[in-house]
Amino acid sequence: MPYYVFRLGMFKVLEKQGEWATFKEARAHTNELRKTLDPKSGDKIKMIFAENEIAAQDTLTAERELDQRLSGDDW
């Protein structure tokens, strides 16, 4: 399975930045892209290991359920 790198923009808009066979290559590219990001843009660079590009996009845009142990008055 390959590693995918995406730019995650406003409103969860994904823009594929590349695909690599090894973690080392994907991590290096991800770190280089993160260095060039404008902090004020709100964009993020995400790397994900997935079976295919569609699975990677689905995982990155999926809504997470709130962990009830971390919500409420105790949080």
C-alpha atoms as a PDB file:
ATOM      1  CA  MET A   1       0.000   0.000   0.000  1.00  0.00           C
ATOM      2  CA  PRO A   2       1.314   3.454  -0.841  1.00  0.00           C
ATOM      3  CA  TYR A   3       1.620   6.608   1.221  1.00  0.00           C
ATOM      4  CA  TYR A   4      -0.395   9.598   0.030  1.00  0.00           C
ATOM      5  CA  VAL A   5       0.264  13.250   0.798  1.00  0.00           C
ATOM      6  CA  PHE A   6      -2.572  15.775   0.607  1.00  0.00           C
ATOM      7  CA  ARG A   7      -3.002  19.479   1.185  1.00  0.00           C
ATOM      8  CA  LEU A   8      -6.104  19.918   3.324  1.00  0.00           C
ATOM      9  CA  GLY A   9      -7.627  23.328   2.679  1.00  0.00           C
ATOM     10  CA  MET A  10     -10.629  25.182   3.951  1.00  0.00           C
ATOM     11  CA  PHE A  11     -13.884  23.225   4.010  1.00  0.00           C
ATOM     12  CA  LYS A  12     -11.880  19.961   3.872  1.00  0.00           C
ATOM     13  CA  VAL A  13     -10.922  20.422   0.227  1.00  0.00           C
ATOM     14  CA  LEU A  14      -8.198  17.888  -0.571  1.00  0.00           C
ATOM     15  CA  GLU A  15      -5.470  18.414  -3.126  1.00  0.00           C
ATOM     16  CA  LYS A  16      -3.210  15.438  -3.786  1.00  0.00           C
ATOM     17  CA  GLN A  17       0.472  16.346  -3.523  1.00  0.00           C
ATOM     18  CA  GLY A  18       1.910  12.947  -4.344  1.00  0.00           C
ATOM     19  CA  GLU A  19       2.130   9.222  -3.735  1.00  0.00           C
ATOM     20  CA  TRP A  20       5.132   7.227  -2.492  1.00  0.00           C
ATOM     21  CA  ALA A  21       5.937   3.578  -1.930  1.00  0.00           C
ATOM     22  CA  THR A  22       8.032   4.134   1.205  1.00  0.00           C
ATOM     23  CA  PHE A  23       7.418   5.982   4.443  1.00  0.00           C
ATOM     24  CA  LYS A  24      10.815   7.677   4.329  1.00  0.00           C
ATOM     25  CA  GLU A  25      10.166   9.331   0.944  1.00  0.00           C
ATOM     26  CA  ALA A  26       6.628  10.364   1.868  1.00  0.00           C
ATOM     27  CA  ARG A  27       7.745  11.814   5.206  1.00  0.00           C
ATOM     28  CA  ALA A  28      10.552  13.817   3.596  1.00  0.00           C
ATOM     29  CA  HIS A  29       8.176  15.315   1.020  1.00  0.00           C
ATOM     30  CA  THR A  30       5.562  16.040   3.700  1.00  0.00           C
ATOM     31  CA  ASN A  31       8.107  17.877   5.828  1.00  0.00           C
ATOM     32  CA  GLU A  32       9.281  19.961   2.854  1.00  0.00           C
ATOM     33  CA  LEU A  33       5.702  20.942   2.012  1.00  0.00           C
ATOM     34  CA  ARG A  34       4.999  21.885   5.627  1.00  0.00           C
ATOM     35  CA  LYS A  35       7.990  24.231   5.614  1.00  0.00           C
ATOM     36  CA  THR A  36       6.507  26.155   2.675  1.00  0.00           C
ATOM     37  CA  LEU A  37       3.010  26.557   4.173  1.00  0.00           C
ATOM     38  CA  ASP A  38       1.782  30.009   5.095  1.00  0.00           C
ATOM     39  CA  PRO A  39       0.587  29.711   8.730  1.00  0.00           C
ATOM     40  CA  LYS A  40      -2.171  32.239   8.066  1.00  0.00           C
ATOM     41  CA  SER A  41      -3.690  30.165   5.239  1.00  0.00           C
ATOM     42  CA  GLY A  42      -5.153  27.546   7.552  1.00  0.00           C
ATOM     43  CA  ASP A  43      -4.057  24.772   5.178  1.00  0.00           C
ATOM     44  CA  LYS A  44      -2.543  21.551   6.501  1.00  0.00           C
ATOM     45  CA  ILE A  45      -0.373  18.885   4.942  1.00  0.00           C
ATOM     46  CA  LYS A  46      -1.422  15.340   5.798  1.00  0.00           C
ATOM     47  CA  MET A  47       0.260  12.033   5.036  1.00  0.00           C
ATOM     48  CA  ILE A  48      -1.753   8.821   5.102  1.00  0.00           C
ATOM     49  CA  PHE A  49      -1.102   5.138   4.442  1.00  0.00           C
ATOM     50  CA  ALA A  50      -4.037   3.682   2.514  1.00  0.00           C
ATOM     51  CA  GLU A  51      -5.029   0.955   0.093  1.00  0.00           C
ATOM     52  CA  ASN A  52      -5.876   3.484  -2.637  1.00  0.00           C
ATOM     53  CA  GLU A  53      -6.421   7.199  -3.178  1.00  0.00           C
ATOM     54  CA  ILE A  54     -10.171   7.048  -2.601  1.00  0.00           C
ATOM     55  CA  ALA A  55      -9.721   5.266   0.750  1.00  0.00           C
ATOM     56  CA  ALA A  56      -7.159   7.891   1.761  1.00  0.00           C
ATOM     57  CA  GLN A  57      -9.542  10.732   0.887  1.00  0.00           C
ATOM     58  CA  ASP A  58     -12.421   9.072   2.721  1.00  0.00           C
ATOM     59  CA  THR A  59     -10.328   8.658   5.865  1.00  0.00           C
ATOM     60  CA  LEU A  60      -9.087  12.245   5.823  1.00  0.00           C
ATOM     61  CA  THR A  61     -12.556  13.746   5.359  1.00  0.00           C
ATOM     62  CA  ALA A  62     -14.462  11.420   7.719  1.00  0.00           C
ATOM     63  CA  GLU A  63     -16.147  13.007  10.713  1.00  0.00           C
ATOM     64  CA  ARG A  64     -14.928  11.629  14.014  1.00  0.00           C
ATOM     65  CA  GLU A  65     -17.259  10.788  16.844  1.00  0.00           C
ATOM     66  CA  LEU A  66     -16.778  12.740  20.037  1.00  0.00           C
ATOM     67  CA  ASP A  67     -15.286  10.654  22.831  1.00  0.00           C
ATOM     68  CA  GLN A  68     -17.757  11.113  25.680  1.00  0.00           C
ATOM     69  CA  ARG A  69     -14.974  10.661  28.248  1.00  0.00           C
ATOM     70  CA  LEU A  70     -13.395  13.883  26.982  1.00  0.00           C
ATOM     71  CA  SER A  71     -16.509  16.053  26.903  1.00  0.00           C
ATOM     72  CA  GLY A  72     -18.713  17.690  29.469  1.00  0.00           C
ATOM     73  CA  ASP A  73     -17.929  19.360  32.764  1.00  0.00           C
ATOM     74  CA  ASP A  74     -14.798  17.324  33.442  1.00  0.00           C
ATOM     75  CA  TRP A  75     -13.049  18.514  30.290  1.00  0.00           C
END
